[in-house]
N, C-alpha and C. Protein backbone atom coordinates (compact mmCIF):
# COMPACT_ATOMS: atom_id res chain seq x y z
N UNK A 1 49.24 -11.83 -53.91
CA UNK A 1 48.44 -10.65 -53.64
C UNK A 1 47.12 -10.76 -54.39
N UNK A 2 46.03 -10.49 -53.67
CA UNK A 2 44.69 -10.60 -54.26
C UNK A 2 44.14 -9.21 -54.51
N UNK A 3 43.60 -9.05 -55.68
CA UNK A 3 43.00 -7.76 -56.02
C UNK A 3 41.65 -7.63 -55.29
N UNK A 4 41.43 -6.53 -54.60
CA UNK A 4 40.19 -6.32 -53.86
C UNK A 4 39.17 -5.69 -54.79
N UNK A 5 38.04 -6.32 -54.87
CA UNK A 5 36.96 -5.78 -55.70
C UNK A 5 35.77 -5.44 -54.83
N UNK A 6 34.87 -4.70 -55.38
CA UNK A 6 33.68 -4.27 -54.67
C UNK A 6 32.47 -5.06 -55.18
N UNK A 7 32.73 -6.26 -55.66
CA UNK A 7 31.73 -7.00 -56.41
C UNK A 7 30.45 -7.26 -55.63
N UNK A 8 30.59 -7.80 -54.43
CA UNK A 8 29.39 -8.22 -53.68
C UNK A 8 28.56 -7.02 -53.25
N UNK A 9 29.20 -6.00 -52.74
CA UNK A 9 28.47 -4.81 -52.31
C UNK A 9 27.77 -4.14 -53.49
N UNK A 10 28.49 -4.04 -54.62
CA UNK A 10 27.90 -3.44 -55.82
C UNK A 10 26.72 -4.27 -56.30
N UNK A 11 26.87 -5.59 -56.28
CA UNK A 11 25.79 -6.46 -56.74
C UNK A 11 24.54 -6.28 -55.87
N UNK A 12 24.75 -6.20 -54.57
CA UNK A 12 23.61 -6.02 -53.66
C UNK A 12 22.95 -4.65 -53.85
N UNK A 13 23.78 -3.61 -54.05
CA UNK A 13 23.23 -2.27 -54.27
C UNK A 13 22.43 -2.23 -55.57
N UNK A 14 22.98 -2.82 -56.61
CA UNK A 14 22.27 -2.86 -57.89
C UNK A 14 20.97 -3.65 -57.75
N UNK A 15 21.01 -4.74 -57.01
CA UNK A 15 19.80 -5.55 -56.82
C UNK A 15 18.74 -4.77 -56.08
N UNK A 16 19.16 -3.99 -55.08
CA UNK A 16 18.20 -3.19 -54.32
C UNK A 16 17.57 -2.12 -55.21
N UNK A 17 18.39 -1.50 -56.05
CA UNK A 17 17.86 -0.49 -56.98
C UNK A 17 16.92 -1.14 -57.99
N UNK A 18 17.32 -2.33 -58.50
CA UNK A 18 16.48 -3.04 -59.46
C UNK A 18 15.12 -3.38 -58.84
N UNK A 19 15.14 -3.79 -57.59
CA UNK A 19 13.90 -4.13 -56.90
C UNK A 19 13.02 -2.89 -56.73
N UNK A 20 13.65 -1.74 -56.44
CA UNK A 20 12.90 -0.49 -56.29
C UNK A 20 12.31 -0.02 -57.61
N UNK A 21 12.94 -0.41 -58.73
CA UNK A 21 12.47 0.01 -60.05
C UNK A 21 11.52 -1.00 -60.68
N UNK A 22 11.03 -1.92 -59.87
CA UNK A 22 10.12 -2.94 -60.40
C UNK A 22 8.87 -2.26 -60.95
N UNK A 23 8.47 -2.64 -62.13
CA UNK A 23 7.30 -2.04 -62.75
C UNK A 23 7.64 -0.94 -63.73
N UNK A 24 8.87 -0.48 -63.75
CA UNK A 24 9.29 0.51 -64.73
C UNK A 24 9.40 -0.20 -66.08
N UNK A 25 9.30 0.58 -67.16
CA UNK A 25 9.29 -0.05 -68.47
C UNK A 25 10.67 -0.01 -69.14
N UNK A 26 10.91 -0.97 -69.96
CA UNK A 26 12.09 -1.11 -70.81
C UNK A 26 13.39 -0.99 -70.01
N UNK A 27 14.33 -0.18 -70.48
CA UNK A 27 15.64 -0.10 -69.86
C UNK A 27 15.60 0.46 -68.45
N UNK A 28 14.53 1.19 -68.13
CA UNK A 28 14.42 1.79 -66.80
C UNK A 28 14.22 0.74 -65.71
N UNK A 29 13.99 -0.52 -66.11
CA UNK A 29 13.85 -1.58 -65.12
C UNK A 29 15.01 -2.58 -65.18
N UNK A 30 15.91 -2.42 -66.16
CA UNK A 30 16.98 -3.41 -66.29
C UNK A 30 18.38 -2.81 -66.38
N UNK A 31 18.53 -1.62 -66.93
CA UNK A 31 19.85 -1.01 -67.08
C UNK A 31 20.12 -0.14 -65.85
N UNK A 32 21.20 -0.47 -65.14
CA UNK A 32 21.43 0.15 -63.83
C UNK A 32 21.47 1.68 -63.91
N UNK A 33 22.17 2.24 -64.89
CA UNK A 33 22.29 3.70 -64.97
C UNK A 33 20.92 4.34 -65.17
N UNK A 34 20.11 3.75 -66.03
CA UNK A 34 18.76 4.28 -66.26
C UNK A 34 17.88 4.08 -65.03
N UNK A 35 18.06 2.96 -64.35
CA UNK A 35 17.30 2.70 -63.12
C UNK A 35 17.61 3.79 -62.10
N UNK A 36 18.90 4.07 -61.92
CA UNK A 36 19.30 5.06 -60.93
C UNK A 36 18.73 6.44 -61.26
N UNK A 37 18.81 6.83 -62.52
CA UNK A 37 18.26 8.13 -62.92
C UNK A 37 16.75 8.18 -62.74
N UNK A 38 16.07 7.08 -63.08
CA UNK A 38 14.62 7.03 -62.94
C UNK A 38 14.21 7.11 -61.47
N UNK A 39 14.96 6.42 -60.61
CA UNK A 39 14.63 6.44 -59.19
C UNK A 39 14.88 7.80 -58.57
N UNK A 40 15.96 8.46 -58.97
CA UNK A 40 16.23 9.80 -58.45
C UNK A 40 15.09 10.74 -58.83
N UNK A 41 14.65 10.64 -60.08
CA UNK A 41 13.53 11.48 -60.54
C UNK A 41 12.26 11.13 -59.77
N UNK A 42 12.04 9.84 -59.55
CA UNK A 42 10.86 9.41 -58.81
C UNK A 42 10.88 9.96 -57.39
N UNK A 43 12.04 9.93 -56.75
CA UNK A 43 12.16 10.45 -55.39
C UNK A 43 11.93 11.95 -55.35
N UNK A 44 12.36 12.66 -56.40
CA UNK A 44 12.10 14.10 -56.47
C UNK A 44 10.60 14.37 -56.56
N UNK A 45 9.92 13.60 -57.43
CA UNK A 45 8.47 13.77 -57.57
C UNK A 45 7.75 13.44 -56.27
N UNK A 46 8.20 12.39 -55.58
CA UNK A 46 7.57 11.99 -54.33
C UNK A 46 7.75 13.07 -53.27
N UNK A 47 8.94 13.65 -53.19
CA UNK A 47 9.22 14.70 -52.21
C UNK A 47 8.31 15.90 -52.48
N UNK A 48 8.25 16.31 -53.74
CA UNK A 48 7.41 17.45 -54.10
C UNK A 48 5.95 17.14 -53.86
N UNK A 49 5.56 15.89 -54.15
CA UNK A 49 4.16 15.49 -53.97
C UNK A 49 3.73 15.53 -52.52
N UNK A 50 4.65 15.19 -51.60
CA UNK A 50 4.30 15.26 -50.18
C UNK A 50 4.03 16.69 -49.75
N UNK A 51 4.76 17.64 -50.31
CA UNK A 51 4.53 19.05 -49.99
C UNK A 51 3.21 19.53 -50.61
N UNK A 52 2.95 19.12 -51.87
CA UNK A 52 1.73 19.54 -52.55
C UNK A 52 0.49 18.98 -51.87
N UNK A 53 0.61 17.78 -51.33
CA UNK A 53 -0.52 17.14 -50.66
C UNK A 53 -0.99 18.00 -49.48
N UNK A 54 -0.05 18.55 -48.73
CA UNK A 54 -0.39 19.41 -47.60
C UNK A 54 -1.14 20.65 -48.08
N UNK A 55 -0.62 21.25 -49.18
CA UNK A 55 -1.28 22.44 -49.75
C UNK A 55 -2.68 22.12 -50.21
N UNK A 56 -2.82 20.98 -50.91
CA UNK A 56 -4.12 20.61 -51.47
C UNK A 56 -5.15 20.39 -50.38
N UNK A 57 -4.75 19.71 -49.32
CA UNK A 57 -5.71 19.46 -48.23
C UNK A 57 -6.09 20.74 -47.53
N UNK A 58 -5.13 21.63 -47.30
CA UNK A 58 -5.46 22.89 -46.64
C UNK A 58 -6.46 23.68 -47.48
N UNK A 59 -6.26 23.73 -48.79
CA UNK A 59 -7.20 24.47 -49.64
C UNK A 59 -8.57 23.80 -49.67
N UNK A 60 -8.59 22.47 -49.60
CA UNK A 60 -9.86 21.74 -49.54
C UNK A 60 -10.61 22.09 -48.26
N UNK A 61 -9.90 22.11 -47.13
CA UNK A 61 -10.55 22.44 -45.86
C UNK A 61 -11.08 23.86 -45.89
N UNK A 62 -10.32 24.78 -46.46
CA UNK A 62 -10.76 26.17 -46.55
C UNK A 62 -12.01 26.28 -47.41
N UNK A 63 -12.06 25.55 -48.52
CA UNK A 63 -13.24 25.57 -49.38
C UNK A 63 -14.47 25.05 -48.64
N UNK A 64 -14.30 23.97 -47.90
CA UNK A 64 -15.44 23.39 -47.16
C UNK A 64 -15.93 24.34 -46.08
N UNK A 65 -15.01 24.95 -45.35
CA UNK A 65 -15.41 25.90 -44.30
C UNK A 65 -16.09 27.10 -44.94
N UNK A 66 -15.54 27.58 -46.04
CA UNK A 66 -16.11 28.73 -46.74
C UNK A 66 -17.53 28.43 -47.22
N UNK A 67 -17.74 27.25 -47.78
CA UNK A 67 -19.08 26.89 -48.25
C UNK A 67 -20.06 26.82 -47.09
N UNK A 68 -19.63 26.27 -45.96
CA UNK A 68 -20.51 26.16 -44.80
C UNK A 68 -20.83 27.53 -44.21
N UNK A 69 -19.84 28.43 -44.18
CA UNK A 69 -20.09 29.76 -43.62
C UNK A 69 -20.97 30.59 -44.56
N UNK A 70 -20.80 30.40 -45.86
CA UNK A 70 -21.66 31.15 -46.80
C UNK A 70 -23.12 30.73 -46.67
N UNK A 71 -23.35 29.46 -46.35
CA UNK A 71 -24.73 29.01 -46.16
C UNK A 71 -25.34 29.63 -44.90
N UNK A 72 -24.49 30.10 -43.99
CA UNK A 72 -24.95 30.79 -42.78
C UNK A 72 -24.97 32.30 -42.97
N UNK A 73 -24.59 32.77 -44.15
CA UNK A 73 -24.62 34.19 -44.45
C UNK A 73 -23.38 34.95 -44.03
N UNK A 74 -22.28 34.26 -43.83
CA UNK A 74 -21.02 34.91 -43.46
C UNK A 74 -19.97 34.65 -44.52
N UNK A 75 -18.88 35.38 -44.43
CA UNK A 75 -17.75 35.09 -45.30
C UNK A 75 -16.74 34.26 -44.50
N UNK A 76 -15.84 33.61 -45.22
CA UNK A 76 -14.81 32.79 -44.56
C UNK A 76 -13.95 33.64 -43.64
N UNK A 77 -13.53 34.82 -44.13
CA UNK A 77 -12.63 35.66 -43.35
C UNK A 77 -13.29 36.14 -42.06
N UNK A 78 -14.55 36.56 -42.16
CA UNK A 78 -15.23 37.03 -40.94
C UNK A 78 -15.46 35.88 -39.97
N UNK A 79 -15.73 34.69 -40.48
CA UNK A 79 -15.91 33.52 -39.63
C UNK A 79 -14.63 33.22 -38.86
N UNK A 80 -13.49 33.17 -39.56
CA UNK A 80 -12.22 32.88 -38.90
C UNK A 80 -11.84 34.00 -37.92
N UNK A 81 -12.16 35.24 -38.29
CA UNK A 81 -11.90 36.37 -37.38
C UNK A 81 -12.72 36.26 -36.11
N UNK A 82 -13.99 35.88 -36.25
CA UNK A 82 -14.85 35.73 -35.06
C UNK A 82 -14.35 34.60 -34.16
N UNK A 83 -13.93 33.51 -34.77
CA UNK A 83 -13.41 32.39 -33.98
C UNK A 83 -12.17 32.82 -33.20
N UNK A 84 -11.30 33.58 -33.85
CA UNK A 84 -10.07 34.03 -33.19
C UNK A 84 -10.39 35.01 -32.06
N UNK A 85 -11.36 35.90 -32.29
CA UNK A 85 -11.75 36.87 -31.26
C UNK A 85 -12.33 36.17 -30.03
N UNK A 86 -13.09 35.13 -30.26
CA UNK A 86 -13.75 34.41 -29.16
C UNK A 86 -12.86 33.31 -28.57
N UNK A 87 -11.60 33.29 -28.97
CA UNK A 87 -10.61 32.32 -28.47
C UNK A 87 -11.06 30.87 -28.67
N UNK A 88 -11.69 30.61 -29.80
CA UNK A 88 -12.03 29.24 -30.18
C UNK A 88 -10.88 28.73 -31.05
N UNK A 89 -10.12 27.81 -30.49
CA UNK A 89 -8.91 27.34 -31.17
C UNK A 89 -9.19 25.98 -31.79
N UNK A 90 -9.61 25.99 -33.04
CA UNK A 90 -9.81 24.77 -33.82
C UNK A 90 -9.08 24.96 -35.14
N UNK A 91 -8.34 23.95 -35.55
CA UNK A 91 -7.65 24.09 -36.82
C UNK A 91 -8.63 23.86 -37.99
N UNK A 92 -8.18 24.15 -39.18
CA UNK A 92 -9.06 24.09 -40.34
C UNK A 92 -9.53 22.68 -40.65
N UNK A 93 -8.68 21.71 -40.38
CA UNK A 93 -9.06 20.31 -40.64
C UNK A 93 -10.26 19.93 -39.78
N UNK A 94 -10.19 20.23 -38.49
CA UNK A 94 -11.29 19.88 -37.58
C UNK A 94 -12.54 20.68 -37.93
N UNK A 95 -12.37 21.96 -38.22
CA UNK A 95 -13.52 22.79 -38.60
C UNK A 95 -14.20 22.25 -39.86
N UNK A 96 -13.41 21.81 -40.84
CA UNK A 96 -13.98 21.27 -42.08
C UNK A 96 -14.76 19.99 -41.80
N UNK A 97 -14.23 19.13 -40.94
CA UNK A 97 -14.94 17.90 -40.59
C UNK A 97 -16.25 18.21 -39.90
N UNK A 98 -16.21 19.15 -38.95
CA UNK A 98 -17.44 19.54 -38.24
C UNK A 98 -18.43 20.15 -39.22
N UNK A 99 -17.95 20.98 -40.14
CA UNK A 99 -18.84 21.65 -41.10
C UNK A 99 -19.55 20.65 -42.01
N UNK A 100 -18.84 19.58 -42.39
CA UNK A 100 -19.42 18.61 -43.32
C UNK A 100 -20.32 17.62 -42.59
N UNK A 101 -19.85 17.09 -41.45
CA UNK A 101 -20.58 16.01 -40.78
C UNK A 101 -21.60 16.49 -39.77
N UNK A 102 -21.34 17.64 -39.14
CA UNK A 102 -22.23 18.14 -38.09
C UNK A 102 -22.55 19.62 -38.33
N UNK A 103 -23.41 19.92 -39.32
CA UNK A 103 -23.67 21.32 -39.67
C UNK A 103 -24.30 22.13 -38.52
N UNK A 104 -25.14 21.48 -37.71
CA UNK A 104 -25.76 22.21 -36.60
C UNK A 104 -24.73 22.63 -35.56
N UNK A 105 -23.79 21.74 -35.28
CA UNK A 105 -22.72 22.08 -34.33
C UNK A 105 -21.86 23.19 -34.91
N UNK A 106 -21.58 23.13 -36.21
CA UNK A 106 -20.76 24.15 -36.86
C UNK A 106 -21.45 25.52 -36.77
N UNK A 107 -22.75 25.55 -36.99
CA UNK A 107 -23.47 26.83 -36.90
C UNK A 107 -23.44 27.39 -35.49
N UNK A 108 -23.49 26.51 -34.48
CA UNK A 108 -23.38 26.98 -33.10
C UNK A 108 -21.99 27.54 -32.80
N UNK A 109 -20.98 26.88 -33.31
CA UNK A 109 -19.60 27.35 -33.10
C UNK A 109 -19.40 28.72 -33.75
N UNK A 110 -19.88 28.85 -34.97
CA UNK A 110 -19.67 30.09 -35.74
C UNK A 110 -20.51 31.23 -35.18
N UNK A 111 -21.69 30.94 -34.66
CA UNK A 111 -22.59 32.00 -34.19
C UNK A 111 -22.15 32.63 -32.88
N UNK A 112 -21.17 32.05 -32.19
CA UNK A 112 -20.70 32.62 -30.92
C UNK A 112 -20.05 33.95 -31.09
């Protein structure tokens, strides 16, 4: 009777984790338990960072649109309200790009 071990699968799993922890310092790159804990924490930060990135970009677009509308003598809220009333459906990302790269087009859009 042969004792069944999980040696090969465990070795491959540990190797994959070790490869993912490349660049970590000290035991966090060599000791499996520390590697696993470090990677779990890294994945948590990455998950949260992906959500924060969306928030950060939206606030950046709002700031750019607000700055462009203030130069035209309007507020951000009134500008967005006018766009909605006139059924101009552009998201904030596109509006921010137009405001930065094509100010004359942006002023025409807002003045409607």
